Amino acid sequence: MPTAGQSGKTPPRGKRADAQRNEQALLAAAAAVFVTSGVDAPIRRIAAEAGVGMGTIYRHFPTRSDLVVAVYRHQVDACAEAGPTLLAEADSPFAALRAWVDLFVDFLVTKHGLAKAMQSDGGGFDALHAYFLDRLVPVCARLLDAAVEAGEIEPGTPPQELMRGVGNLCIGRDSDPDYDPRRLVALLLRGLRTG
């Protein structure tokens, strides 16, 4: 049993391993469903995809907004952590950049419904945007620098500019579910290539 500290309060307990696994399964399932169906997808579908009951979702995420924000942060973290791994494992820095941008596109497709899901919480959205920039701009910069050093792409592309360009190409997905931004993103990446 936890004992009270100097403040007289019992220290908070961490989540049980099974609760953490359920939360991670929910986040992964929700991200997959949001990519294909948007943030308004039925919660029942997310529960089925994660293999959990509806009560489990509401225990972890009492509101849809809580779930969307958690998925957003989860995807930002996954994108940030994937960069160094891809750079270490890919055949070339450009291949790592291309694979990372593909993950980034999945993230952006989910992100476009975020503002609507959060509605009036402008401050919360601003904080998430700052988190996004802090976590992802350095990763993109590292991938770009590695590809430049390898002579695979021309120097001079700022990471935020590339990320904004990819983001702008993903916007059409909101109004046209048949639009796949990956074709145009591939053209954008090809434009970075040397000679």
N, C-alpha and C. Protein backbone atom coordinates (compact mmCIF):
# COMPACT_ATOMS: atom_id res chain seq x y z
N MET A 1 0.85 -1.18 0.00
CA MET A 1 0.00 0.00 0.00
C MET A 1 0.89 1.24 0.00
N PRO A 2 0.61 2.26 -0.84
CA PRO A 2 1.45 3.43 -0.88
C PRO A 2 1.35 4.20 0.43
N THR A 3 2.45 4.81 0.84
CA THR A 3 2.44 5.59 2.06
C THR A 3 2.40 7.07 1.71
N ALA A 4 1.89 7.85 2.66
CA ALA A 4 1.80 9.28 2.43
C ALA A 4 3.18 9.90 2.49
N GLY A 5 3.44 10.85 1.62
CA GLY A 5 4.72 11.55 1.61
C GLY A 5 4.71 12.69 2.60
N GLN A 6 5.72 13.60 2.53
CA GLN A 6 5.84 14.72 3.45
C GLN A 6 4.64 15.65 3.34
N SER A 7 4.03 15.74 2.18
CA SER A 7 2.88 16.63 2.02
C SER A 7 1.62 16.04 2.62
N GLY A 8 1.69 14.76 3.03
CA GLY A 8 0.51 14.11 3.59
C GLY A 8 -0.37 13.48 2.53
N LYS A 9 -0.01 13.65 1.27
CA LYS A 9 -0.81 13.07 0.17
C LYS A 9 -0.21 11.75 -0.26
N THR A 10 -1.05 10.85 -0.68
CA THR A 10 -0.59 9.57 -1.20
C THR A 10 -0.10 9.80 -2.63
N PRO A 11 1.11 9.33 -2.96
CA PRO A 11 1.60 9.54 -4.33
C PRO A 11 0.71 8.81 -5.33
N PRO A 12 0.52 9.40 -6.53
CA PRO A 12 -0.33 8.75 -7.53
C PRO A 12 0.30 7.45 -8.02
N ARG A 13 -0.55 6.48 -8.25
CA ARG A 13 -0.07 5.19 -8.75
C ARG A 13 -0.06 5.22 -10.26
N GLY A 14 0.90 4.51 -10.82
CA GLY A 14 0.96 4.38 -12.28
C GLY A 14 -0.15 3.45 -12.75
N LYS A 15 -0.39 3.47 -14.01
CA LYS A 15 -1.41 2.59 -14.59
C LYS A 15 -0.90 1.15 -14.58
N ARG A 16 -1.80 0.23 -14.37
CA ARG A 16 -1.45 -1.18 -14.46
C ARG A 16 -1.03 -1.50 -15.89
N ALA A 17 -0.24 -2.56 -16.03
CA ALA A 17 0.28 -2.95 -17.34
C ALA A 17 -0.86 -3.23 -18.32
N ASP A 18 -1.91 -3.91 -17.86
CA ASP A 18 -3.02 -4.22 -18.77
C ASP A 18 -3.78 -2.95 -19.17
N ALA A 19 -3.88 -1.99 -18.26
CA ALA A 19 -4.53 -0.71 -18.58
C ALA A 19 -3.70 0.06 -19.60
N GLN A 20 -2.38 0.02 -19.46
CA GLN A 20 -1.51 0.69 -20.43
C GLN A 20 -1.62 0.03 -21.80
N ARG A 21 -1.65 -1.31 -21.81
CA ARG A 21 -1.81 -2.03 -23.09
C ARG A 21 -3.13 -1.68 -23.75
N ASN A 22 -4.22 -1.65 -22.94
CA ASN A 22 -5.53 -1.28 -23.49
C ASN A 22 -5.51 0.13 -24.07
N GLU A 23 -4.88 1.05 -23.35
CA GLU A 23 -4.82 2.44 -23.83
C GLU A 23 -4.04 2.52 -25.15
N GLN A 24 -2.91 1.82 -25.22
CA GLN A 24 -2.12 1.83 -26.46
C GLN A 24 -2.89 1.19 -27.61
N ALA A 25 -3.60 0.09 -27.33
CA ALA A 25 -4.42 -0.55 -28.37
C ALA A 25 -5.53 0.38 -28.83
N LEU A 26 -6.13 1.10 -27.89
CA LEU A 26 -7.19 2.05 -28.25
C LEU A 26 -6.65 3.18 -29.11
N LEU A 27 -5.49 3.71 -28.75
CA LEU A 27 -4.91 4.81 -29.51
C LEU A 27 -4.56 4.36 -30.93
N ALA A 28 -3.97 3.19 -31.06
CA ALA A 28 -3.62 2.67 -32.39
C ALA A 28 -4.88 2.42 -33.21
N ALA A 29 -5.90 1.82 -32.60
CA ALA A 29 -7.15 1.54 -33.31
C ALA A 29 -7.85 2.84 -33.70
N ALA A 30 -7.90 3.80 -32.78
CA ALA A 30 -8.56 5.07 -33.08
C ALA A 30 -7.83 5.79 -34.21
N ALA A 31 -6.49 5.78 -34.18
CA ALA A 31 -5.73 6.43 -35.25
C ALA A 31 -6.05 5.79 -36.60
N ALA A 32 -6.09 4.46 -36.65
CA ALA A 32 -6.40 3.77 -37.91
C ALA A 32 -7.80 4.11 -38.40
N VAL A 33 -8.76 4.12 -37.49
CA VAL A 33 -10.15 4.43 -37.86
C VAL A 33 -10.26 5.90 -38.29
N PHE A 34 -9.59 6.80 -37.57
CA PHE A 34 -9.65 8.22 -37.93
C PHE A 34 -9.06 8.47 -39.31
N VAL A 35 -7.99 7.75 -39.65
CA VAL A 35 -7.37 7.93 -40.97
C VAL A 35 -8.35 7.55 -42.08
N THR A 36 -9.08 6.46 -41.87
CA THR A 36 -9.99 6.00 -42.93
C THR A 36 -11.36 6.65 -42.88
N SER A 37 -11.83 7.04 -41.66
CA SER A 37 -13.21 7.51 -41.53
C SER A 37 -13.37 8.87 -40.87
N GLY A 38 -12.29 9.49 -40.45
CA GLY A 38 -12.37 10.80 -39.80
C GLY A 38 -12.65 10.69 -38.32
N VAL A 39 -12.53 11.83 -37.63
CA VAL A 39 -12.66 11.84 -36.18
C VAL A 39 -14.09 11.66 -35.70
N ASP A 40 -15.06 11.70 -36.61
CA ASP A 40 -16.45 11.48 -36.23
C ASP A 40 -16.86 10.02 -36.34
N ALA A 41 -15.90 9.13 -36.60
CA ALA A 41 -16.20 7.70 -36.71
C ALA A 41 -16.85 7.20 -35.42
N PRO A 42 -17.75 6.22 -35.52
CA PRO A 42 -18.42 5.70 -34.33
C PRO A 42 -17.42 5.10 -33.32
N ILE A 43 -17.63 5.42 -32.07
CA ILE A 43 -16.79 4.89 -30.99
C ILE A 43 -16.87 3.36 -30.97
N ARG A 44 -18.02 2.83 -31.29
CA ARG A 44 -18.21 1.37 -31.32
C ARG A 44 -17.22 0.72 -32.30
N ARG A 45 -16.98 1.39 -33.43
CA ARG A 45 -16.04 0.86 -34.43
C ARG A 45 -14.61 0.84 -33.87
N ILE A 46 -14.25 1.89 -33.14
CA ILE A 46 -12.91 1.95 -32.54
C ILE A 46 -12.76 0.85 -31.50
N ALA A 47 -13.79 0.64 -30.69
CA ALA A 47 -13.75 -0.41 -29.68
C ALA A 47 -13.57 -1.78 -30.34
N ALA A 48 -14.31 -2.02 -31.41
CA ALA A 48 -14.20 -3.31 -32.11
C ALA A 48 -12.81 -3.48 -32.69
N GLU A 49 -12.26 -2.42 -33.29
CA GLU A 49 -10.92 -2.48 -33.87
C GLU A 49 -9.86 -2.77 -32.81
N ALA A 50 -10.07 -2.20 -31.60
CA ALA A 50 -9.10 -2.39 -30.51
C ALA A 50 -9.33 -3.69 -29.75
N GLY A 51 -10.48 -4.31 -29.95
CA GLY A 51 -10.80 -5.55 -29.24
C GLY A 51 -11.13 -5.31 -27.77
N VAL A 52 -11.77 -4.17 -27.49
CA VAL A 52 -12.17 -3.84 -26.12
C VAL A 52 -13.63 -3.43 -26.11
N GLY A 53 -14.21 -3.33 -24.92
CA GLY A 53 -15.59 -2.90 -24.79
C GLY A 53 -15.70 -1.38 -24.78
N MET A 54 -16.91 -0.90 -25.00
CA MET A 54 -17.16 0.54 -25.00
C MET A 54 -16.79 1.18 -23.66
N GLY A 55 -17.07 0.47 -22.58
CA GLY A 55 -16.74 1.00 -21.25
C GLY A 55 -15.26 1.27 -21.09
N THR A 56 -14.44 0.43 -21.69
CA THR A 56 -12.98 0.63 -21.61
C THR A 56 -12.59 1.93 -22.28
N ILE A 57 -13.19 2.23 -23.42
CA ILE A 57 -12.88 3.49 -24.10
C ILE A 57 -13.26 4.67 -23.21
N TYR A 58 -14.47 4.65 -22.66
CA TYR A 58 -14.93 5.79 -21.86
C TYR A 58 -14.18 5.90 -20.53
N ARG A 59 -13.65 4.80 -20.03
CA ARG A 59 -12.82 4.87 -18.82
C ARG A 59 -11.52 5.62 -19.11
N HIS A 60 -10.93 5.35 -20.25
CA HIS A 60 -9.68 6.01 -20.63
C HIS A 60 -9.90 7.41 -21.18
N PHE A 61 -10.97 7.57 -21.97
CA PHE A 61 -11.22 8.82 -22.69
C PHE A 61 -12.70 9.19 -22.54
N PRO A 62 -13.04 9.96 -21.50
CA PRO A 62 -14.46 10.26 -21.22
C PRO A 62 -15.18 10.98 -22.35
N THR A 63 -14.46 11.77 -23.16
CA THR A 63 -15.11 12.48 -24.27
C THR A 63 -14.38 12.18 -25.58
N ARG A 64 -15.05 12.41 -26.68
CA ARG A 64 -14.43 12.24 -28.00
C ARG A 64 -13.21 13.15 -28.12
N SER A 65 -13.34 14.37 -27.61
CA SER A 65 -12.22 15.31 -27.66
C SER A 65 -11.00 14.75 -26.93
N ASP A 66 -11.21 14.12 -25.77
CA ASP A 66 -10.09 13.50 -25.04
C ASP A 66 -9.41 12.43 -25.89
N LEU A 67 -10.21 11.64 -26.58
CA LEU A 67 -9.66 10.59 -27.44
C LEU A 67 -8.89 11.17 -28.61
N VAL A 68 -9.46 12.18 -29.26
CA VAL A 68 -8.80 12.78 -30.42
C VAL A 68 -7.47 13.42 -30.02
N VAL A 69 -7.45 14.13 -28.89
CA VAL A 69 -6.22 14.76 -28.42
C VAL A 69 -5.17 13.70 -28.09
N ALA A 70 -5.60 12.62 -27.44
CA ALA A 70 -4.66 11.54 -27.10
C ALA A 70 -4.10 10.88 -28.36
N VAL A 71 -4.96 10.68 -29.37
CA VAL A 71 -4.48 10.11 -30.63
C VAL A 71 -3.49 11.06 -31.29
N TYR A 72 -3.79 12.34 -31.27
CA TYR A 72 -2.89 13.35 -31.85
C TYR A 72 -1.51 13.27 -31.20
N ARG A 73 -1.47 13.30 -29.87
CA ARG A 73 -0.19 13.25 -29.15
C ARG A 73 0.52 11.92 -29.42
N HIS A 74 -0.24 10.84 -29.44
CA HIS A 74 0.32 9.50 -29.70
C HIS A 74 0.96 9.46 -31.08
N GLN A 75 0.29 10.05 -32.07
CA GLN A 75 0.84 10.03 -33.43
C GLN A 75 2.04 10.97 -33.56
N VAL A 76 2.01 12.10 -32.88
CA VAL A 76 3.18 12.99 -32.90
C VAL A 76 4.38 12.24 -32.32
N ASP A 77 4.16 11.58 -31.19
CA ASP A 77 5.25 10.83 -30.55
C ASP A 77 5.75 9.70 -31.46
N ALA A 78 4.83 8.98 -32.08
CA ALA A 78 5.22 7.88 -32.97
C ALA A 78 6.03 8.40 -34.15
N CYS A 79 5.60 9.53 -34.72
CA CYS A 79 6.33 10.14 -35.85
C CYS A 79 7.72 10.58 -35.40
N ALA A 80 7.80 11.20 -34.24
CA ALA A 80 9.09 11.67 -33.73
C ALA A 80 10.03 10.51 -33.47
N GLU A 81 9.53 9.44 -32.89
CA GLU A 81 10.36 8.28 -32.56
C GLU A 81 10.74 7.49 -33.80
N ALA A 82 9.92 7.54 -34.83
CA ALA A 82 10.20 6.78 -36.05
C ALA A 82 11.37 7.35 -36.84
N GLY A 83 11.58 8.66 -36.78
CA GLY A 83 12.63 9.29 -37.57
C GLY A 83 14.00 8.66 -37.39
N PRO A 84 14.53 8.63 -36.16
CA PRO A 84 15.85 8.03 -35.96
C PRO A 84 15.90 6.54 -36.32
N THR A 85 14.82 5.83 -36.05
CA THR A 85 14.77 4.39 -36.37
C THR A 85 14.84 4.20 -37.88
N LEU A 86 14.05 4.96 -38.62
CA LEU A 86 14.07 4.86 -40.08
C LEU A 86 15.44 5.22 -40.63
N LEU A 87 16.05 6.24 -40.08
CA LEU A 87 17.37 6.67 -40.55
C LEU A 87 18.41 5.57 -40.32
N ALA A 88 18.29 4.86 -39.22
CA ALA A 88 19.23 3.78 -38.92
C ALA A 88 18.99 2.53 -39.76
N GLU A 89 17.73 2.29 -40.15
CA GLU A 89 17.39 1.02 -40.79
C GLU A 89 17.16 1.11 -42.30
N ALA A 90 16.88 2.28 -42.83
CA ALA A 90 16.56 2.40 -44.26
C ALA A 90 17.81 2.24 -45.12
N ASP A 91 17.59 1.94 -46.40
CA ASP A 91 18.70 1.77 -47.34
C ASP A 91 19.48 3.06 -47.56
N SER A 92 18.80 4.20 -47.40
CA SER A 92 19.45 5.49 -47.62
C SER A 92 18.71 6.55 -46.81
N PRO A 93 19.36 7.69 -46.56
CA PRO A 93 18.65 8.77 -45.87
C PRO A 93 17.40 9.24 -46.61
N PHE A 94 17.45 9.27 -47.95
CA PHE A 94 16.26 9.68 -48.69
C PHE A 94 15.13 8.67 -48.50
N ALA A 95 15.45 7.39 -48.50
CA ALA A 95 14.43 6.36 -48.25
C ALA A 95 13.83 6.54 -46.86
N ALA A 96 14.66 6.90 -45.88
CA ALA A 96 14.17 7.16 -44.52
C ALA A 96 13.24 8.37 -44.52
N LEU A 97 13.65 9.43 -45.23
CA LEU A 97 12.82 10.63 -45.32
C LEU A 97 11.48 10.31 -45.96
N ARG A 98 11.50 9.55 -47.06
CA ARG A 98 10.27 9.18 -47.76
C ARG A 98 9.35 8.37 -46.84
N ALA A 99 9.90 7.41 -46.10
CA ALA A 99 9.09 6.60 -45.19
C ALA A 99 8.53 7.45 -44.05
N TRP A 100 9.35 8.38 -43.56
CA TRP A 100 8.88 9.25 -42.48
C TRP A 100 7.76 10.16 -42.97
N VAL A 101 7.90 10.71 -44.16
CA VAL A 101 6.86 11.57 -44.71
C VAL A 101 5.56 10.78 -44.88
N ASP A 102 5.64 9.50 -45.23
CA ASP A 102 4.44 8.67 -45.36
C ASP A 102 3.73 8.57 -44.01
N LEU A 103 4.49 8.37 -42.93
CA LEU A 103 3.90 8.36 -41.58
C LEU A 103 3.29 9.72 -41.25
N PHE A 104 3.98 10.76 -41.64
CA PHE A 104 3.52 12.12 -41.39
C PHE A 104 2.20 12.37 -42.12
N VAL A 105 2.05 11.85 -43.33
CA VAL A 105 0.80 12.00 -44.08
C VAL A 105 -0.34 11.33 -43.32
N ASP A 106 -0.13 10.11 -42.82
CA ASP A 106 -1.17 9.45 -42.02
C ASP A 106 -1.57 10.32 -40.84
N PHE A 107 -0.57 10.88 -40.17
CA PHE A 107 -0.83 11.75 -39.04
C PHE A 107 -1.65 12.97 -39.46
N LEU A 108 -1.27 13.59 -40.56
CA LEU A 108 -1.96 14.81 -41.00
C LEU A 108 -3.41 14.55 -41.39
N VAL A 109 -3.68 13.41 -41.98
CA VAL A 109 -5.05 13.08 -42.35
C VAL A 109 -5.91 13.01 -41.09
N THR A 110 -5.38 12.47 -40.01
CA THR A 110 -6.10 12.42 -38.74
C THR A 110 -6.22 13.81 -38.14
N LYS A 111 -5.15 14.57 -38.21
CA LYS A 111 -5.07 15.89 -37.57
C LYS A 111 -6.12 16.86 -38.11
N HIS A 112 -6.49 16.73 -39.37
CA HIS A 112 -7.40 17.72 -39.95
C HIS A 112 -8.75 17.76 -39.26
N GLY A 113 -9.17 16.71 -38.61
CA GLY A 113 -10.44 16.75 -37.88
C GLY A 113 -10.28 17.22 -36.45
N LEU A 114 -9.07 17.49 -36.03
CA LEU A 114 -8.82 17.82 -34.63
C LEU A 114 -9.50 19.11 -34.20
N ALA A 115 -9.33 20.17 -34.95
CA ALA A 115 -9.89 21.47 -34.55
C ALA A 115 -11.40 21.37 -34.37
N LYS A 116 -12.07 20.68 -35.28
CA LYS A 116 -13.52 20.52 -35.17
C LYS A 116 -13.88 19.72 -33.92
N ALA A 117 -13.12 18.67 -33.64
CA ALA A 117 -13.42 17.83 -32.49
C ALA A 117 -13.22 18.59 -31.18
N MET A 118 -12.24 19.50 -31.15
CA MET A 118 -11.97 20.25 -29.92
C MET A 118 -12.87 21.48 -29.80
N GLN A 119 -13.47 21.90 -30.90
CA GLN A 119 -14.39 23.03 -31.02
C GLN A 119 -13.85 24.27 -30.33
N SER A 120 -14.37 24.65 -29.18
CA SER A 120 -14.05 25.96 -28.61
C SER A 120 -12.74 25.99 -27.83
N ASP A 121 -12.05 24.89 -27.69
CA ASP A 121 -10.84 24.87 -26.87
C ASP A 121 -9.64 25.32 -27.69
N GLY A 122 -9.63 26.61 -28.07
CA GLY A 122 -8.54 27.16 -28.88
C GLY A 122 -7.20 27.06 -28.18
N GLY A 123 -7.17 27.29 -26.86
CA GLY A 123 -5.92 27.20 -26.11
C GLY A 123 -5.34 25.80 -26.14
N GLY A 124 -6.21 24.80 -26.04
CA GLY A 124 -5.74 23.41 -26.10
C GLY A 124 -5.17 23.08 -27.45
N PHE A 125 -5.81 23.58 -28.51
CA PHE A 125 -5.32 23.34 -29.86
C PHE A 125 -3.97 24.01 -30.06
N ASP A 126 -3.81 25.24 -29.55
CA ASP A 126 -2.54 25.95 -29.67
C ASP A 126 -1.41 25.20 -28.96
N ALA A 127 -1.71 24.67 -27.77
CA ALA A 127 -0.70 23.91 -27.03
C ALA A 127 -0.30 22.65 -27.81
N LEU A 128 -1.26 21.99 -28.42
CA LEU A 128 -0.95 20.80 -29.22
C LEU A 128 -0.12 21.15 -30.44
N HIS A 129 -0.42 22.29 -31.06
CA HIS A 129 0.36 22.70 -32.23
C HIS A 129 1.82 22.97 -31.83
N ALA A 130 2.02 23.61 -30.68
CA ALA A 130 3.38 23.86 -30.20
C ALA A 130 4.08 22.53 -29.92
N TYR A 131 3.36 21.57 -29.34
CA TYR A 131 3.93 20.23 -29.08
C TYR A 131 4.35 19.58 -30.39
N PHE A 132 3.50 19.68 -31.41
CA PHE A 132 3.75 19.15 -32.74
C PHE A 132 5.05 19.72 -33.31
N LEU A 133 5.19 21.04 -33.26
CA LEU A 133 6.40 21.68 -33.80
C LEU A 133 7.65 21.28 -33.01
N ASP A 134 7.54 21.30 -31.70
CA ASP A 134 8.70 20.97 -30.86
C ASP A 134 9.20 19.54 -31.10
N ARG A 135 8.27 18.63 -31.33
CA ARG A 135 8.65 17.22 -31.49
C ARG A 135 9.06 16.87 -32.92
N LEU A 136 8.38 17.45 -33.93
CA LEU A 136 8.58 16.97 -35.30
C LEU A 136 9.54 17.78 -36.16
N VAL A 137 9.64 19.07 -35.94
CA VAL A 137 10.55 19.87 -36.77
C VAL A 137 12.00 19.38 -36.64
N PRO A 138 12.51 19.11 -35.42
CA PRO A 138 13.89 18.61 -35.33
C PRO A 138 14.10 17.26 -36.02
N VAL A 139 13.09 16.40 -35.99
CA VAL A 139 13.21 15.09 -36.64
C VAL A 139 13.28 15.27 -38.16
N CYS A 140 12.40 16.10 -38.70
CA CYS A 140 12.42 16.36 -40.14
C CYS A 140 13.75 17.00 -40.54
N ALA A 141 14.24 17.93 -39.71
CA ALA A 141 15.53 18.58 -40.01
C ALA A 141 16.66 17.55 -40.06
N ARG A 142 16.65 16.62 -39.13
CA ARG A 142 17.70 15.60 -39.09
C ARG A 142 17.65 14.71 -40.35
N LEU A 143 16.44 14.35 -40.77
CA LEU A 143 16.30 13.53 -41.98
C LEU A 143 16.74 14.30 -43.22
N LEU A 144 16.35 15.56 -43.32
CA LEU A 144 16.77 16.38 -44.45
C LEU A 144 18.29 16.54 -44.48
N ASP A 145 18.87 16.83 -43.32
CA ASP A 145 20.34 17.01 -43.24
C ASP A 145 21.07 15.74 -43.66
N ALA A 146 20.58 14.58 -43.23
CA ALA A 146 21.23 13.32 -43.58
C ALA A 146 21.15 13.08 -45.09
N ALA A 147 20.00 13.40 -45.70
CA ALA A 147 19.86 13.22 -47.15
C ALA A 147 20.74 14.20 -47.91
N VAL A 148 20.90 15.43 -47.41
CA VAL A 148 21.80 16.40 -48.03
C VAL A 148 23.24 15.91 -47.93
N GLU A 149 23.63 15.46 -46.73
CA GLU A 149 25.00 14.96 -46.52
C GLU A 149 25.32 13.77 -47.42
N ALA A 150 24.31 12.95 -47.70
CA ALA A 150 24.50 11.79 -48.58
C ALA A 150 24.47 12.18 -50.06
N GLY A 151 24.21 13.46 -50.34
CA GLY A 151 24.16 13.92 -51.72
C GLY A 151 22.90 13.49 -52.46
N GLU A 152 21.85 13.13 -51.71
CA GLU A 152 20.61 12.64 -52.33
C GLU A 152 19.61 13.74 -52.64
N ILE A 153 19.67 14.83 -51.87
CA ILE A 153 18.76 15.94 -52.14
C ILE A 153 19.55 17.25 -52.13
N GLU A 154 18.96 18.25 -52.75
CA GLU A 154 19.57 19.57 -52.78
C GLU A 154 19.47 20.20 -51.39
N PRO A 155 20.49 20.95 -50.98
CA PRO A 155 20.39 21.63 -49.69
C PRO A 155 19.44 22.83 -49.78
N GLY A 156 19.01 23.30 -48.61
CA GLY A 156 18.26 24.54 -48.56
C GLY A 156 16.77 24.43 -48.29
N THR A 157 16.25 23.23 -48.08
CA THR A 157 14.83 23.09 -47.77
C THR A 157 14.64 23.13 -46.26
N PRO A 158 14.01 24.19 -45.73
CA PRO A 158 13.76 24.23 -44.29
C PRO A 158 12.73 23.16 -43.91
N PRO A 159 12.92 22.50 -42.77
CA PRO A 159 12.00 21.43 -42.38
C PRO A 159 10.54 21.89 -42.26
N GLN A 160 10.33 23.08 -41.71
CA GLN A 160 8.94 23.56 -41.57
C GLN A 160 8.31 23.80 -42.94
N GLU A 161 9.11 24.20 -43.91
CA GLU A 161 8.60 24.44 -45.26
C GLU A 161 8.16 23.12 -45.90
N LEU A 162 8.98 22.08 -45.75
CA LEU A 162 8.60 20.77 -46.28
C LEU A 162 7.35 20.25 -45.58
N MET A 163 7.31 20.36 -44.26
CA MET A 163 6.16 19.88 -43.50
C MET A 163 4.89 20.65 -43.88
N ARG A 164 5.01 21.95 -44.08
CA ARG A 164 3.85 22.75 -44.49
C ARG A 164 3.40 22.35 -45.89
N GLY A 165 4.35 22.12 -46.79
CA GLY A 165 4.00 21.69 -48.15
C GLY A 165 3.26 20.37 -48.14
N VAL A 166 3.77 19.42 -47.38
CA VAL A 166 3.09 18.12 -47.26
C VAL A 166 1.71 18.33 -46.66
N GLY A 167 1.64 19.16 -45.63
CA GLY A 167 0.35 19.43 -44.99
C GLY A 167 -0.66 20.03 -45.95
N ASN A 168 -0.21 20.97 -46.75
CA ASN A 168 -1.12 21.59 -47.72
C ASN A 168 -1.63 20.58 -48.75
N LEU A 169 -0.79 19.63 -49.13
CA LEU A 169 -1.23 18.60 -50.08
C LEU A 169 -2.24 17.64 -49.45
N CYS A 170 -2.24 17.55 -48.13
CA CYS A 170 -3.16 16.63 -47.44
C CYS A 170 -4.54 17.25 -47.20
N ILE A 171 -4.66 18.55 -47.35
CA ILE A 171 -5.91 19.23 -47.02
C ILE A 171 -7.08 18.72 -47.87
N GLY A 172 -6.89 18.42 -49.12
CA GLY A 172 -7.97 17.99 -50.00
C GLY A 172 -8.66 16.72 -49.55
N ARG A 173 -8.04 15.96 -48.68
CA ARG A 173 -8.61 14.69 -48.19
C ARG A 173 -9.90 14.93 -47.41
N ASP A 174 -10.02 16.09 -46.75
CA ASP A 174 -11.21 16.38 -45.95
C ASP A 174 -12.48 16.41 -46.79
N SER A 175 -12.41 17.04 -47.96
CA SER A 175 -13.61 17.21 -48.77
C SER A 175 -13.78 16.13 -49.83
N ASP A 176 -12.75 15.30 -50.05
CA ASP A 176 -12.82 14.27 -51.08
C ASP A 176 -12.15 12.99 -50.56
N PRO A 177 -12.94 12.07 -50.04
CA PRO A 177 -12.36 10.85 -49.48
C PRO A 177 -11.62 9.99 -50.50
N ASP A 178 -11.85 10.24 -51.80
CA ASP A 178 -11.14 9.49 -52.83
C ASP A 178 -9.77 10.09 -53.15
N TYR A 179 -9.52 11.28 -52.64
CA TYR A 179 -8.24 11.95 -52.89
C TYR A 179 -7.17 11.33 -52.01
N ASP A 180 -6.09 10.86 -52.61
CA ASP A 180 -4.96 10.33 -51.88
C ASP A 180 -3.78 11.26 -52.09
N PRO A 181 -3.39 11.99 -51.06
CA PRO A 181 -2.32 12.98 -51.21
C PRO A 181 -0.95 12.36 -51.47
N ARG A 182 -0.81 11.06 -51.29
CA ARG A 182 0.51 10.44 -51.41
C ARG A 182 1.14 10.60 -52.80
N ARG A 183 0.32 10.60 -53.84
CA ARG A 183 0.86 10.75 -55.20
C ARG A 183 1.53 12.11 -55.35
N LEU A 184 0.87 13.16 -54.89
CA LEU A 184 1.44 14.50 -55.00
C LEU A 184 2.60 14.70 -54.03
N VAL A 185 2.53 14.07 -52.86
CA VAL A 185 3.64 14.15 -51.91
C VAL A 185 4.88 13.48 -52.51
N ALA A 186 4.67 12.36 -53.22
CA ALA A 186 5.80 11.69 -53.88
C ALA A 186 6.43 12.60 -54.93
N LEU A 187 5.61 13.35 -55.66
CA LEU A 187 6.15 14.31 -56.64
C LEU A 187 6.94 15.41 -55.94
N LEU A 188 6.43 15.89 -54.81
CA LEU A 188 7.13 16.91 -54.04
C LEU A 188 8.51 16.40 -53.60
N LEU A 189 8.54 15.18 -53.09
CA LEU A 189 9.82 14.61 -52.64
C LEU A 189 10.78 14.40 -53.79
N ARG A 190 10.25 13.98 -54.94
CA ARG A 190 11.12 13.82 -56.12
C ARG A 190 11.75 15.14 -56.52
N GLY A 191 11.03 16.22 -56.30
CA GLY A 191 11.55 17.55 -56.62
C GLY A 191 12.72 17.96 -55.75
N LEU A 192 12.91 17.29 -54.61
CA LEU A 192 14.05 17.59 -53.74
C LEU A 192 15.33 16.91 -54.21
N ARG A 193 15.17 15.88 -55.03
CA ARG A 193 16.32 15.05 -55.43
C ARG A 193 17.37 15.85 -56.20
N THR A 194 18.61 15.45 -56.05
CA THR A 194 19.68 16.09 -56.82
C THR A 194 19.68 15.53 -58.25
N GLY A 195 20.23 16.36 -59.16
CA GLY A 195 20.45 16.01 -60.54
C GLY A 195 19.53 15.04 -61.09
